[in-house]
C-alpha atoms as a PDB file:
ATOM      1  CA  MET A   1      21.982   9.693  38.908  1.00  0.00           C
ATOM      2  CA  LYS A   2      24.988  11.290  40.569  1.00  0.00           C
ATOM      3  CA  ARG A   3      26.258   9.615  43.692  1.00  0.00           C
ATOM      4  CA  THR A   4      25.923  11.929  46.667  1.00  0.00           C
ATOM      5  CA  ARG A   5      26.348   9.423  49.507  1.00  0.00           C
ATOM      6  CA  GLY A   6      28.869   6.767  50.447  1.00  0.00           C
ATOM      7  CA  ARG A   7      32.568   6.709  49.565  1.00  0.00           C
ATOM      8  CA  GLY A   8      32.043   8.035  46.046  1.00  0.00           C
ATOM      9  CA  VAL A   9      30.803  11.633  46.143  1.00  0.00           C
ATOM     10  CA  ARG A  10      30.736  14.016  43.175  1.00  0.00           C
ATOM     11  CA  ILE A  11      30.743  17.731  43.941  1.00  0.00           C
ATOM     12  CA  ASP A  12      29.619  20.010  41.102  1.00  0.00           C
ATOM     13  CA  SER A  13      28.935  23.276  42.933  1.00  0.00           C
ATOM     14  CA  LEU A  14      30.580  25.423  45.571  1.00  0.00           C
ATOM     15  CA  GLU A  15      27.281  25.456  47.458  1.00  0.00           C
ATOM     16  CA  ASP A  16      27.398  21.669  47.820  1.00  0.00           C
ATOM     17  CA  LEU A  17      31.047  21.781  48.862  1.00  0.00           C
ATOM     18  CA  ASP A  18      30.434  24.489  51.452  1.00  0.00           C
ATOM     19  CA  ARG A  19      27.402  22.622  52.805  1.00  0.00           C
ATOM     20  CA  ARG A  20      29.388  19.427  53.312  1.00  0.00           C
ATOM     21  CA  LEU A  21      32.364  21.171  54.846  1.00  0.00           C
ATOM     22  CA  GLY A  22      30.003  23.141  57.070  1.00  0.00           C
ATOM     23  CA  ARG A  23      28.536  19.870  58.315  1.00  0.00           C
ATOM     24  CA  GLY A  24      31.976  18.760  59.437  1.00  0.00           C
ATOM     25  CA  ALA A  25      33.286  16.703  56.505  1.00  0.00           C
ATOM     26  CA  ARG A  26      37.045  16.346  56.918  1.00  0.00           C
ATOM     27  CA  ARG A  27      37.910  13.110  55.077  1.00  0.00           C
ATOM     28  CA  LEU A  28      37.572  13.627  51.316  1.00  0.00           C
ATOM     29  CA  SER A  29      38.682  10.179  50.160  1.00  0.00           C
ATOM     30  CA  GLY A  30      36.517   9.154  47.184  1.00  0.00           C
ATOM     31  CA  TRP A  31      35.315  12.683  46.513  1.00  0.00           C
ATOM     32  CA  ARG A  32      35.388  13.970  42.912  1.00  0.00           C
ATOM     33  CA  LEU A  33      35.269  17.755  42.723  1.00  0.00           C
ATOM     34  CA  HIS A  34      34.371  18.856  39.238  1.00  0.00           C
ATOM     35  CA  GLY A  35      34.959  22.170  37.471  1.00  0.00           C
ATOM     36  CA  LEU A  36      34.990  24.333  40.601  1.00  0.00           C
ATOM     37  CA  ASP A  37      36.673  27.670  41.202  1.00  0.00           C
ATOM     38  CA  LEU A  38      38.541  26.860  44.423  1.00  0.00           C
ATOM     39  CA  THR A  39      40.708  29.959  44.566  1.00  0.00           C
ATOM     40  CA  ALA A  40      39.076  30.980  47.863  1.00  0.00           C
ATOM     41  CA  HIS A  41      38.881  27.461  49.324  1.00  0.00           C
ATOM     42  CA  GLY A  42      42.530  26.500  49.653  1.00  0.00           C
ATOM     43  CA  GLN A  43      42.725  26.886  53.432  1.00  0.00           C
ATOM     44  CA  ALA A  44      39.487  24.956  54.026  1.00  0.00           C
ATOM     45  CA  LEU A  45      40.543  22.121  51.745  1.00  0.00           C
ATOM     46  CA  LEU A  46      44.039  21.817  53.183  1.00  0.00           C
ATOM     47  CA  ALA A  47      42.504  21.481  56.656  1.00  0.00           C
ATOM     48  CA  CYS A  48      40.934  18.216  55.411  1.00  0.00           C
ATOM     49  CA  ARG A  49      42.399  14.794  54.756  1.00  0.00           C
ATOM     50  CA  LEU A  50      42.748  14.859  50.963  1.00  0.00           C
ATOM     51  CA  SER A  51      44.263  11.466  50.216  1.00  0.00           C
ATOM     52  CA  GLY A  52      42.048   9.708  47.652  1.00  0.00           C
ATOM     53  CA  ALA A  53      40.227  12.872  46.519  1.00  0.00           C
ATOM     54  CA  THR A  54      40.159  13.832  42.827  1.00  0.00           C
ATOM     55  CA  PHE A  55      39.946  17.380  41.457  1.00  0.00           C
ATOM     56  CA  LEU A  56      38.725  17.438  37.855  1.00  0.00           C
ATOM     57  CA  GLY A  57      39.255  20.649  35.903  1.00  0.00           C
ATOM     58  CA  CYS A  58      39.208  22.835  39.017  1.00  0.00           C
ATOM     59  CA  THR A  59      40.848  26.263  39.404  1.00  0.00           C
ATOM     60  CA  PHE A  60      43.170  26.918  42.353  1.00  0.00           C
ATOM     61  CA  ALA A  61      44.922  29.914  43.841  1.00  0.00           C
ATOM     62  CA  PRO A  62      48.650  30.005  42.986  1.00  0.00           C
ATOM     63  CA  GLY A  63      50.461  27.158  44.716  1.00  0.00           C
ATOM     64  CA  ASP A  64      47.350  25.469  46.067  1.00  0.00           C
ATOM     65  CA  ALA A  65      47.170  22.783  43.381  1.00  0.00           C
ATOM     66  CA  GLY A  66      50.665  21.599  44.326  1.00  0.00           C
ATOM     67  CA  ARG A  67      49.812  21.601  48.009  1.00  0.00           C
ATOM     68  CA  VAL A  68      46.621  19.621  47.364  1.00  0.00           C
ATOM     69  CA  GLU A  69      48.616  17.058  45.350  1.00  0.00           C
ATOM     70  CA  ALA A  70      51.243  16.865  48.077  1.00  0.00           C
ATOM     71  CA  ALA A  71      48.435  16.035  50.511  1.00  0.00           C
ATOM     72  CA  GLY A  72      47.596  12.947  48.446  1.00  0.00           C
ATOM     73  CA  ALA A  73      44.893  14.162  46.057  1.00  0.00           C
ATOM     74  CA  LEU A  74      44.834  13.704  42.304  1.00  0.00           C
ATOM     75  CA  VAL A  75      44.561  16.965  40.352  1.00  0.00           C
ATOM     76  CA  LEU A  76      43.532  16.705  36.685  1.00  0.00           C
ATOM     77  CA  PRO A  77      43.603  20.135  35.061  1.00  0.00           C
ATOM     78  CA  THR A  78      41.385  21.681  32.407  1.00  0.00           C
ATOM     79  CA  ILE A  79      42.752  20.660  29.012  1.00  0.00           C
ATOM     80  CA  GLY A  80      43.018  23.370  26.386  1.00  0.00           C
ATOM     81  CA  ASP A  81      40.086  24.728  24.409  1.00  0.00           C
ATOM     82  CA  VAL A  82      37.780  21.702  24.415  1.00  0.00           C
ATOM     83  CA  PRO A  83      34.084  22.125  23.451  1.00  0.00           C
ATOM     84  CA  VAL A  84      32.878  19.320  25.745  1.00  0.00           C
ATOM     85  CA  ASP A  85      33.233  18.480  29.421  1.00  0.00           C
ATOM     86  CA  VAL A  86      35.829  15.708  29.488  1.00  0.00           C
ATOM     87  CA  TYR A  87      35.034  14.900  33.122  1.00  0.00           C
ATOM     88  CA  ARG A  88      31.260  14.729  32.711  1.00  0.00           C
ATOM     89  CA  ALA A  89      29.248  12.658  35.194  1.00  0.00           C
ATOM     90  CA  GLY A  90      26.253  11.604  33.082  1.00  0.00           C
ATOM     91  CA  LEU A  91      25.115  10.856  29.569  1.00  0.00           C
ATOM     92  CA  TYR A  92      24.011  13.577  27.187  1.00  0.00           C
ATOM     93  CA  GLU A  93      20.480  14.732  26.556  1.00  0.00           C
ATOM     94  CA  ALA A  94      19.417  16.128  23.196  1.00  0.00           C
ATOM     95  CA  ASP A  95      19.056  19.661  24.552  1.00  0.00           C
ATOM     96  CA  GLU A  96      22.680  19.619  25.687  1.00  0.00           C
ATOM     97  CA  LEU A  97      23.957  18.717  22.233  1.00  0.00           C
ATOM     98  CA  TYR A  98      21.453  20.931  20.380  1.00  0.00           C
ATOM     99  CA  ASP A  99      21.923  23.967  22.592  1.00  0.00           C
ATOM    100  CA  ALA A 100      21.839  26.734  19.975  1.00  0.00           C
ATOM    101  CA  ALA A 101      19.229  28.118  17.613  1.00  0.00           C
ATOM    102  CA  GLN A 102      21.381  27.139  14.650  1.00  0.00           C
ATOM    103  CA  TYR A 103      23.021  23.746  14.460  1.00  0.00           C
ATOM    104  CA  ALA A 104      26.337  25.168  13.292  1.00  0.00           C
ATOM    105  CA  ALA A 105      26.704  26.930  16.671  1.00  0.00           C
ATOM    106  CA  SER A 106      25.639  23.947  18.796  1.00  0.00           C
ATOM    107  CA  THR A 107      27.830  21.880  21.081  1.00  0.00           C
ATOM    108  CA  ASP A 108      27.291  18.900  18.787  1.00  0.00           C
ATOM    109  CA  ALA A 109      28.550  20.729  15.695  1.00  0.00           C
ATOM    110  CA  ARG A 110      31.447  22.373  17.509  1.00  0.00           C
ATOM    111  CA  ALA A 111      32.574  19.045  18.976  1.00  0.00           C
ATOM    112  CA  TYR A 112      32.517  17.474  15.531  1.00  0.00           C
ATOM    113  CA  ALA A 113      34.554  20.303  14.043  1.00  0.00           C
ATOM    114  CA  TRP A 114      37.069  20.024  16.899  1.00  0.00           C
ATOM    115  CA  SER A 115      37.305  16.251  16.419  1.00  0.00           C
ATOM    116  CA  GLN A 116      38.338  16.784  12.791  1.00  0.00           C
ATOM    117  CA  GLU A 117      41.307  18.955  13.711  1.00  0.00           C
ATOM    118  CA  ASP A 118      44.818  17.537  13.882  1.00  0.00           C
ATOM    119  CA  ALA A 119      44.992  15.850  17.271  1.00  0.00           C
ATOM    120  CA  GLY A 120      47.861  17.043  19.409  1.00  0.00           C
ATOM    121  CA  ALA A 121      48.731  15.453  22.717  1.00  0.00           C
ATOM    122  CA  ASP A 122      46.233  17.544  24.690  1.00  0.00           C
ATOM    123  CA  SER A 123      43.374  16.855  22.278  1.00  0.00           C
ATOM    124  CA  THR A 124      44.095  13.121  22.237  1.00  0.00           C
ATOM    125  CA  LEU A 125      44.086  13.057  26.026  1.00  0.00           C
ATOM    126  CA  ALA A 126      40.882  15.097  26.183  1.00  0.00           C
ATOM    127  CA  ARG A 127      39.035  12.716  23.853  1.00  0.00           C
ATOM    128  CA  ALA A 128      40.228   9.686  25.791  1.00  0.00           C
ATOM    129  CA  LEU A 129      39.142  11.210  29.112  1.00  0.00           C
ATOM    130  CA  HIS A 130      35.769  12.176  27.643  1.00  0.00           C
ATOM    131  CA  ASP A 131      35.078   8.680  26.310  1.00  0.00           C
ATOM    132  CA  HIS A 132      36.157   7.146  29.619  1.00  0.00           C
ATOM    133  CA  ALA A 133      33.687   9.411  31.427  1.00  0.00           C
ATOM    134  CA  VAL A 134      30.927   8.370  29.010  1.00  0.00           C
ATOM    135  CA  ASP A 135      31.841   4.721  29.633  1.00  0.00           C
ATOM    136  CA  ARG A 136      31.357   5.189  33.369  1.00  0.00           C
ATOM    137  CA  ALA A 137      28.110   7.101  32.927  1.00  0.00           C
ATOM    138  CA  LEU A 138      26.752   4.462  30.549  1.00  0.00           C
ATOM    139  CA  LEU A 139      27.597   1.664  32.965  1.00  0.00           C
ATOM    140  CA  GLU A 140      25.626   3.459  35.666  1.00  0.00           C
ATOM    141  CA  TRP A 141      22.684   4.253  33.355  1.00  0.00           C
ATOM    142  CA  THR A 142      22.288   0.701  32.036  1.00  0.00           C
ATOM    143  CA  ALA A 143      22.530  -1.002  35.438  1.00  0.00           C
ATOM    144  CA  GLY A 144      19.330  -2.923  36.122  1.00  0.00           C
ATOM    145  CA  ARG A 145      17.890  -2.314  32.637  1.00  0.00           C
ATOM    146  CA  SER A 146      17.244  -4.869  29.904  1.00  0.00           C
ATOM    147  CA  LEU A 147      18.402  -3.514  26.554  1.00  0.00           C
ATOM    148  CA  VAL A 148      17.553  -4.592  23.023  1.00  0.00           C
ATOM    149  CA  GLY A 149      19.430  -3.168  20.075  1.00  0.00           C
ATOM    150  CA  VAL A 150      18.038  -1.966  16.765  1.00  0.00           C
ATOM    151  CA  MET A 151      20.550  -1.663  13.934  1.00  0.00           C
ATOM    152  CA  GLY A 152      19.863  -0.429  10.419  1.00  0.00           C
ATOM    153  CA  GLY A 153      20.771   1.990   7.698  1.00  0.00           C
ATOM    154  CA  HIS A 154      21.032   5.749   8.124  1.00  0.00           C
ATOM    155  CA  ALA A 155      19.535   6.338   4.676  1.00  0.00           C
ATOM    156  CA  LEU A 156      15.880   5.718   5.598  1.00  0.00           C
ATOM    157  CA  VAL A 157      13.857   8.843   4.943  1.00  0.00           C
ATOM    158  CA  ARG A 158      11.029  10.173   7.060  1.00  0.00           C
ATOM    159  CA  GLY A 159       7.677   9.660   5.368  1.00  0.00           C
ATOM    160  CA  GLU A 160       8.603   6.326   3.797  1.00  0.00           C
ATOM    161  CA  ALA A 161       6.905   3.065   4.773  1.00  0.00           C
ATOM    162  CA  THR A 162      10.229   1.565   5.846  1.00  0.00           C
ATOM    163  CA  TYR A 163      10.782   4.459   8.275  1.00  0.00           C
ATOM    164  CA  ALA A 164       7.319   3.885   9.753  1.00  0.00           C
ATOM    165  CA  ASP A 165       8.103   0.172  10.088  1.00  0.00           C
ATOM    166  CA  ALA A 166      11.280   0.952  12.013  1.00  0.00           C
ATOM    167  CA  ALA A 167       9.284   3.240  14.311  1.00  0.00           C
ATOM    168  CA  ARG A 168       6.701   0.493  14.904  1.00  0.00           C
ATOM    169  CA  LEU A 169       9.563  -1.870  15.728  1.00  0.00           C
ATOM    170  CA  GLY A 170      10.879   0.558  18.341  1.00  0.00           C
ATOM    171  CA  ALA A 171       7.392   0.927  19.797  1.00  0.00           C
ATOM    172  CA  GLY A 172       6.892  -2.832  19.958  1.00  0.00           C
ATOM    173  CA  LEU A 173      10.222  -3.458  21.661  1.00  0.00           C
ATOM    174  CA  GLY A 174      10.057  -0.426  23.951  1.00  0.00           C
ATOM    175  CA  GLY A 175       7.120  -1.806  25.888  1.00  0.00           C
ATOM    176  CA  SER A 176       9.280  -4.423  27.614  1.00  0.00           C
ATOM    177  CA  HIS A 177      12.894  -3.382  27.011  1.00  0.00           C
ATOM    178  CA  VAL A 178      15.027  -0.288  26.685  1.00  0.00           C
ATOM    179  CA  VAL A 179      15.718   0.226  22.991  1.00  0.00           C
ATOM    180  CA  ALA A 180      19.318   1.080  22.096  1.00  0.00           C
ATOM    181  CA  THR A 181      20.460   2.330  18.688  1.00  0.00           C
ATOM    182  CA  GLY A 182      23.506   3.795  17.029  1.00  0.00           C
ATOM    183  CA  GLY A 183      21.925   7.200  17.489  1.00  0.00           C
ATOM    184  CA  GLY A 184      21.962   8.581  13.983  1.00  0.00           C
ATOM    185  CA  PRO A 185      19.208   9.419  11.488  1.00  0.00           C
ATOM    186  CA  GLY A 186      17.252   6.922   9.381  1.00  0.00           C
ATOM    187  CA  ALA A 187      16.382   3.582  10.986  1.00  0.00           C
ATOM    188  CA  MET A 188      18.072   4.620  14.217  1.00  0.00           C
ATOM    189  CA  GLU A 189      16.011   7.773  14.580  1.00  0.00           C
ATOM    190  CA  ALA A 190      12.819   5.880  13.752  1.00  0.00           C
ATOM    191  CA  ALA A 191      13.505   3.187  16.352  1.00  0.00           C
ATOM    192  CA  ASN A 192      14.256   5.759  19.060  1.00  0.00           C
ATOM    193  CA  LEU A 193      11.077   7.611  18.096  1.00  0.00           C
ATOM    194  CA  GLY A 194       8.983   4.458  18.399  1.00  0.00           C
ATOM    195  CA  ALA A 195      10.551   3.581  21.726  1.00  0.00           C
ATOM    196  CA  ARG A 196       9.963   7.104  23.029  1.00  0.00           C
ATOM    197  CA  LEU A 197       6.237   6.762  22.249  1.00  0.00           C
ATOM    198  CA  SER A 198       5.900   3.081  23.131  1.00  0.00           C
ATOM    199  CA  ARG A 199       3.459   3.783  25.966  1.00  0.00           C
ATOM    200  CA  ARG A 200       1.253   5.928  23.773  1.00  0.00           C
ATOM    201  CA  SER A 201      -1.367   4.933  21.233  1.00  0.00           C
ATOM    202  CA  PRO A 202      -0.654   3.941  17.611  1.00  0.00           C
ATOM    203  CA  ASP A 203      -2.554   7.079  16.618  1.00  0.00           C
ATOM    204  CA  ASP A 204      -0.014   9.214  18.483  1.00  0.00           C
ATOM    205  CA  LEU A 205       2.841   7.494  16.676  1.00  0.00           C
ATOM    206  CA  ALA A 206       1.073   8.054  13.351  1.00  0.00           C
ATOM    207  CA  ARG A 207       0.666  11.742  14.173  1.00  0.00           C
ATOM    208  CA  ALA A 208       4.352  12.022  15.059  1.00  0.00           C
ATOM    209  CA  LEU A 209       5.305  10.402  11.765  1.00  0.00           C
ATOM    210  CA  GLU A 210       3.137  12.906   9.894  1.00  0.00           C
ATOM    211  CA  ILE A 211       4.903  15.818  11.572  1.00  0.00           C
ATOM    212  CA  LEU A 212       8.337  14.441  10.757  1.00  0.00           C
ATOM    213  CA  ALA A 213       7.430  13.723   7.133  1.00  0.00           C
ATOM    214  CA  ARG A 214       7.343  17.473   6.491  1.00  0.00           C
ATOM    215  CA  VAL A 215      11.164  17.405   6.625  1.00  0.00           C
ATOM    216  CA  PRO A 216      12.204  14.020   5.233  1.00  0.00           C
ATOM    217  CA  SER A 217      15.957  14.373   5.775  1.00  0.00           C
ATOM    218  CA  TYR A 218      18.623  16.437   7.487  1.00  0.00           C
ATOM    219  CA  HIS A 219      19.658  17.430   3.959  1.00  0.00           C
ATOM    220  CA  PRO A 220      19.679  20.265   3.056  1.00  0.00           C
ATOM    221  CA  SER A 221      18.847  21.752   6.467  1.00  0.00           C
ATOM    222  CA  VAL A 222      19.786  20.197   9.799  1.00  0.00           C
ATOM    223  CA  ASP A 223      17.963  23.075  11.496  1.00  0.00           C
ATOM    224  CA  ALA A 224      14.632  22.192   9.842  1.00  0.00           C
ATOM    225  CA  TRP A 225      15.193  18.503  10.617  1.00  0.00           C
ATOM    226  CA  VAL A 226      15.835  19.334  14.274  1.00  0.00           C
ATOM    227  CA  ALA A 227      12.835  21.684  14.453  1.00  0.00           C
ATOM    228  CA  THR A 228      10.336  19.000  13.458  1.00  0.00           C
ATOM    229  CA  ALA A 229      11.905  16.567  15.932  1.00  0.00           C
ATOM    230  CA  ARG A 230      11.517  19.166  18.685  1.00  0.00           C
ATOM    231  CA  GLU A 231       7.902  19.650  17.654  1.00  0.00           C
ATOM    232  CA  VAL A 232       7.275  15.942  18.195  1.00  0.00           C
ATOM    233  CA  CYS A 233       9.078  15.944  21.547  1.00  0.00           C
ATOM    234  CA  ASP A 234       7.028  18.925  22.712  1.00  0.00           C
ATOM    235  CA  ALA A 235       3.753  17.412  21.517  1.00  0.00           C
ATOM    236  CA  PHE A 236       4.178  14.116  23.356  1.00  0.00           C
ATOM    237  CA  GLY A 237       5.468  14.481  26.898  1.00  0.00           C
ATOM    238  CA  GLU A 238       6.583  11.846  29.399  1.00  0.00           C
ATOM    239  CA  PRO A 239       8.788   9.832  27.043  1.00  0.00           C
ATOM    240  CA  THR A 240       9.710   6.213  27.612  1.00  0.00           C
ATOM    241  CA  ASP A 241      13.442   5.830  28.132  1.00  0.00           C
ATOM    242  CA  SER A 242      15.613   4.787  25.226  1.00  0.00           C
ATOM    243  CA  LEU A 243      19.315   5.002  24.518  1.00  0.00           C
ATOM    244  CA  SER A 244      21.433   6.040  21.576  1.00  0.00           C
ATOM    245  CA  ILE A 245      25.177   5.603  21.131  1.00  0.00           C
ATOM    246  CA  PRO A 246      26.365   7.842  18.288  1.00  0.00           C
ATOM    247  CA  THR A 247      29.864   9.017  17.489  1.00  0.00           C
ATOM    248  CA  TRP A 248      31.478  12.233  16.319  1.00  0.00           C
ATOM    249  CA  HIS A 249      33.436  10.048  13.883  1.00  0.00           C
ATOM    250  CA  TYR A 250      30.262  10.239  11.798  1.00  0.00           C
ATOM    251  CA  GLY A 251      29.454  13.759  12.884  1.00  0.00           C
ATOM    252  CA  HIS A 252      28.271  14.710   9.421  1.00  0.00           C
ATOM    253  CA  GLU A 253      25.220  12.584  10.320  1.00  0.00           C
ATOM    254  CA  PRO A 254      23.579  14.415  13.240  1.00  0.00           C
ATOM    255  CA  ALA A 255      22.454  12.475  16.300  1.00  0.00           C
ATOM    256  CA  ASN A 256      18.715  12.027  16.555  1.00  0.00           C
ATOM    257  CA  LEU A 257      16.770  13.807  19.292  1.00  0.00           C
ATOM    258  CA  PHE A 258      14.420  11.011  20.355  1.00  0.00           C
ATOM    259  CA  ALA A 259      16.623   8.997  22.715  1.00  0.00           C
ATOM    260  CA  THR A 260      16.286  10.135  26.317  1.00  0.00           C
ATOM    261  CA  ALA A 261      19.938   9.286  26.995  1.00  0.00           C
ATOM    262  CA  ILE A 262      22.788   9.754  24.529  1.00  0.00           C
ATOM    263  CA  ALA A 263      26.206   8.169  25.010  1.00  0.00           C
ATOM    264  CA  LYS A 264      28.213  10.019  22.376  1.00  0.00           C
ATOM    265  CA  TYR A 265      31.817   8.975  21.811  1.00  0.00           C
ATOM    266  CA  PHE A 266      34.731  10.347  19.851  1.00  0.00           C
ATOM    267  CA  ARG A 267      36.243   6.912  19.181  1.00  0.00           C
ATOM    268  CA  ASN A 268      34.015   4.940  16.827  1.00  0.00           C
ATOM    269  CA  SER A 269      35.524   1.540  17.603  1.00  0.00           C
ATOM    270  CA  THR A 270      34.711   1.980  21.288  1.00  0.00           C
ATOM    271  CA  ARG A 271      31.178   3.027  20.451  1.00  0.00           C
ATOM    272  CA  GLU A 272      30.560   0.026  18.161  1.00  0.00           C
ATOM    273  CA  ALA A 273      31.845  -2.543  20.647  1.00  0.00           C
ATOM    274  CA  THR A 274      29.938  -0.927  23.515  1.00  0.00           C
ATOM    275  CA  LEU A 275      26.644  -0.862  21.623  1.00  0.00           C
ATOM    276  CA  LEU A 276      26.809  -4.586  20.865  1.00  0.00           C
ATOM    277  CA  GLU A 277      27.980  -5.477  24.361  1.00  0.00           C
ATOM    278  CA  ILE A 278      25.152  -3.834  26.299  1.00  0.00           C
ATOM    279  CA  CYS A 279      22.263  -5.363  24.304  1.00  0.00           C
ATOM    280  CA  ASP A 280      21.655  -8.323  26.585  1.00  0.00           C
ATOM    281  CA  ALA A 281      18.114  -8.951  25.229  1.00  0.00           C
ATOM    282  CA  GLY A 282      19.364  -9.274  21.649  1.00  0.00           C
ATOM    283  CA  ILE A 283      19.594  -7.189  18.496  1.00  0.00           C
ATOM    284  CA  VAL A 284      17.203  -6.670  15.605  1.00  0.00           C
ATOM    285  CA  PHE A 285      18.887  -5.852  12.288  1.00  0.00           C
ATOM    286  CA  LEU A 286      16.867  -3.867   9.783  1.00  0.00           C
ATOM    287  CA  PRO A 287      18.016  -3.675   6.143  1.00  0.00           C
ATOM    288  CA  GLY A 288      21.261  -1.794   5.799  1.00  0.00           C
ATOM    289  CA  ALA A 289      24.522  -1.661   3.897  1.00  0.00           C
ATOM    290  CA  ALA A 290      28.175  -2.047   4.877  1.00  0.00           C
ATOM    291  CA  GLY A 291      27.885  -0.607   8.393  1.00  0.00           C
ATOM    292  CA  THR A 292      24.944  -2.823   9.308  1.00  0.00           C
ATOM    293  CA  VAL A 293      26.625  -5.894   7.792  1.00  0.00           C
ATOM    294  CA  GLN A 294      29.675  -5.181   9.920  1.00  0.00           C
ATOM    295  CA  GLU A 295      27.459  -5.051  13.015  1.00  0.00           C
ATOM    296  CA  VAL A 296      25.756  -8.330  12.069  1.00  0.00           C
ATOM    297  CA  PHE A 297      29.023 -10.230  11.947  1.00  0.00           C
ATOM    298  CA  GLN A 298      30.577  -8.452  14.900  1.00  0.00           C
ATOM    299  CA  ASP A 299      27.583  -9.590  16.928  1.00  0.00           C
ATOM    300  CA  ALA A 300      27.757 -13.049  15.338  1.00  0.00           C
ATOM    301  CA  CYS A 301      31.372 -13.369  16.450  1.00  0.00           C
ATOM    302  CA  GLU A 302      30.368 -12.721  20.061  1.00  0.00           C
ATOM    303  CA  ASN A 303      27.568 -15.294  19.859  1.00  0.00           C
ATOM    304  CA  TYR A 304      29.700 -17.845  17.994  1.00  0.00           C
ATOM    305  CA  TYR A 305      32.061 -18.212  20.940  1.00  0.00           C
ATOM    306  CA  ALA A 306      29.412 -17.806  23.654  1.00  0.00           C
ATOM    307  CA  ASP A 307      27.953 -20.614  25.723  1.00  0.00           C
ATOM    308  CA  GLU A 308      24.212 -21.303  25.748  1.00  0.00           C
ATOM    309  CA  THR A 309      23.597 -19.024  28.724  1.00  0.00           C
ATOM    310  CA  SER A 310      25.309 -16.037  27.101  1.00  0.00           C
ATOM    311  CA  VAL A 311      23.876 -16.063  23.574  1.00  0.00           C
ATOM    312  CA  ALA A 312      21.733 -13.031  22.708  1.00  0.00           C
ATOM    313  CA  PRO A 313      19.104 -13.353  19.954  1.00  0.00           C
ATOM    314  CA  MET A 314      19.844 -12.006  16.484  1.00  0.00           C
ATOM    315  CA  VAL A 315      16.843 -11.182  14.298  1.00  0.00           C
ATOM    316  CA  LEU A 316      17.343 -10.067  10.699  1.00  0.00           C
ATOM    317  CA  VAL A 317      14.328  -8.346   9.153  1.00  0.00           C
ATOM    318  CA  GLY A 318      13.826  -8.517   5.381  1.00  0.00           C
ATOM    319  CA  VAL A 319      14.146 -11.894   3.688  1.00  0.00           C
ATOM    320  CA  ARG A 320      14.846 -10.513   0.219  1.00  0.00           C
ATOM    321  CA  HIS A 321      17.366  -7.987   1.497  1.00  0.00           C
ATOM    322  CA  TRP A 322      19.392 -10.425   3.592  1.00  0.00           C
ATOM    323  CA  THR A 323      19.296 -13.308   1.102  1.00  0.00           C
ATOM    324  CA  GLN A 324      19.618 -11.467  -2.228  1.00  0.00           C
ATOM    325  CA  THR A 325      20.398  -7.747  -2.005  1.00  0.00           C
ATOM    326  CA  VAL A 326      22.997  -8.185   0.737  1.00  0.00           C
ATOM    327  CA  PRO A 327      23.195 -11.980   1.202  1.00  0.00           C
ATOM    328  CA  ALA A 328      24.496 -12.063   4.748  1.00  0.00           C
ATOM    329  CA  TRP A 329      21.952 -14.638   5.894  1.00  0.00           C
ATOM    330  CA  PRO A 330      23.447 -17.722   4.153  1.00  0.00           C
ATOM    331  CA  LEU A 331      26.829 -17.116   5.794  1.00  0.00           C
ATOM    332  CA  LEU A 332      25.311 -16.248   9.169  1.00  0.00           C
ATOM    333  CA  SER A 333      23.136 -19.355   9.240  1.00  0.00           C
ATOM    334  CA  ARG A 334      26.088 -21.504   8.185  1.00  0.00           C
ATOM    335  CA  LEU A 335      28.233 -20.072  10.978  1.00  0.00           C
ATOM    336  CA  ALA A 336      25.470 -20.725  13.485  1.00  0.00           C
ATOM    337  CA  HIS A 337      25.038 -24.381  12.483  1.00  0.00           C
ATOM    338  CA  GLY A 338      25.944 -26.695  15.346  1.00  0.00           C
ATOM    339  CA  ARG A 339      26.800 -23.833  17.706  1.00  0.00           C
ATOM    340  CA  ALA A 340      24.982 -22.664  20.829  1.00  0.00           C
ATOM    341  CA  MET A 341      23.729 -19.681  18.823  1.00  0.00           C
ATOM    342  CA  GLU A 342      21.912 -21.784  16.204  1.00  0.00           C
ATOM    343  CA  GLY A 343      18.476 -21.579  17.789  1.00  0.00           C
ATOM    344  CA  HIS A 344      18.845 -17.868  18.456  1.00  0.00           C
ATOM    345  CA  VAL A 345      19.467 -16.605  14.923  1.00  0.00           C
ATOM    346  CA  HIS A 346      16.346 -15.708  12.946  1.00  0.00           C
ATOM    347  CA  LEU A 347      15.345 -14.315   9.562  1.00  0.00           C
ATOM    348  CA  VAL A 348      11.868 -12.764   9.296  1.00  0.00           C
ATOM    349  CA  ASP A 349      10.008 -10.505   6.911  1.00  0.00           C
ATOM    350  CA  THR A 350       8.113  -8.152   9.236  1.00  0.00           C
ATOM    351  CA  VAL A 351       8.825  -6.073  12.313  1.00  0.00           C
ATOM    352  CA  ASP A 352       5.909  -7.719  14.113  1.00  0.00           C
ATOM    353  CA  GLU A 353       7.612 -11.096  13.711  1.00  0.00           C
ATOM    354  CA  ALA A 354      10.827  -9.570  15.020  1.00  0.00           C
ATOM    355  CA  VAL A 355       9.150  -8.201  18.152  1.00  0.00           C
ATOM    356  CA  ALA A 356       7.625 -11.634  18.857  1.00  0.00           C
ATOM    357  CA  LEU A 357      11.101 -13.261  18.792  1.00  0.00           C
ATOM    358  CA  VAL A 358      12.689 -10.994  21.402  1.00  0.00           C
ATOM    359  CA  PRO A 359      12.247 -12.523  24.892  1.00  0.00           C
ATOM    360  CA  ARG A 360      10.155 -10.399  27.213  1.00  0.00           C
END
């Protein structure tokens, strides 16, 4: 929610600005004016006390930007041809990223293409400002919420039993926590789907899975993959909140549409650290490969040095996978031995067991 009272005020429209000035506002300290055409407002603004105000990507009449800065405000200009709002106030929603009939023309696809270009000084600054804005928006969105993470491979295919299991995991966890994922396809999409429908019946989840199974993967057509996801979203209204934290670093894997809030970053390292940090209720790790193994031990490192009051549960699902296929469990359990985390690290075989181990 945007702050509209108190010292911190964000102004996104000229109507809001005119209303506040018309009511007698003359001290703009703490105000953040965003993306406004202020070419006709110079005189009104300069009649105010501007020290502590911030102008983000606003347009001024010639000379006014310098006068506003001289009055003590911070003016951050629009930066080049950037496909995203680097000063955004909130997290993304799926419709904002998938805002075109064809994926190739969408904001999500254009941002990925832009992120792959050689980064000059302006582009580097724009990406840093964007990710900082997402950081702030995520901090506000997560305040007062209990989050549990679901990690797992992107290669799960709709229609498979393992995809359905990941969806049931999201549904089981979403009843008492906000589910957070890495935001991509596969296990992440399934978990966000389950969380979205966690207040609905198992029959509704089964119906949603049937719809999605018609297009098992985003290969060869992202558009068809998106269309079936939209069909599910339209069929089942009033979603339960869930979060995804994808990155344009892996933009060739499109973000799933089932999270109600999407914190999408350009810098992958920031995204990975943030995702682990916010999951205060613990993390469930579904079978995965190198990326999931990295997340297991990145989370283990945090828990290894934590005191008893700060340890978050780690639940690995799939005994055979984690002991034989990718034998991370023997090392993880050995690391945990004698540490505060020892009683909080678990290996189970089913998603139902995993749900039971996450504190409610």
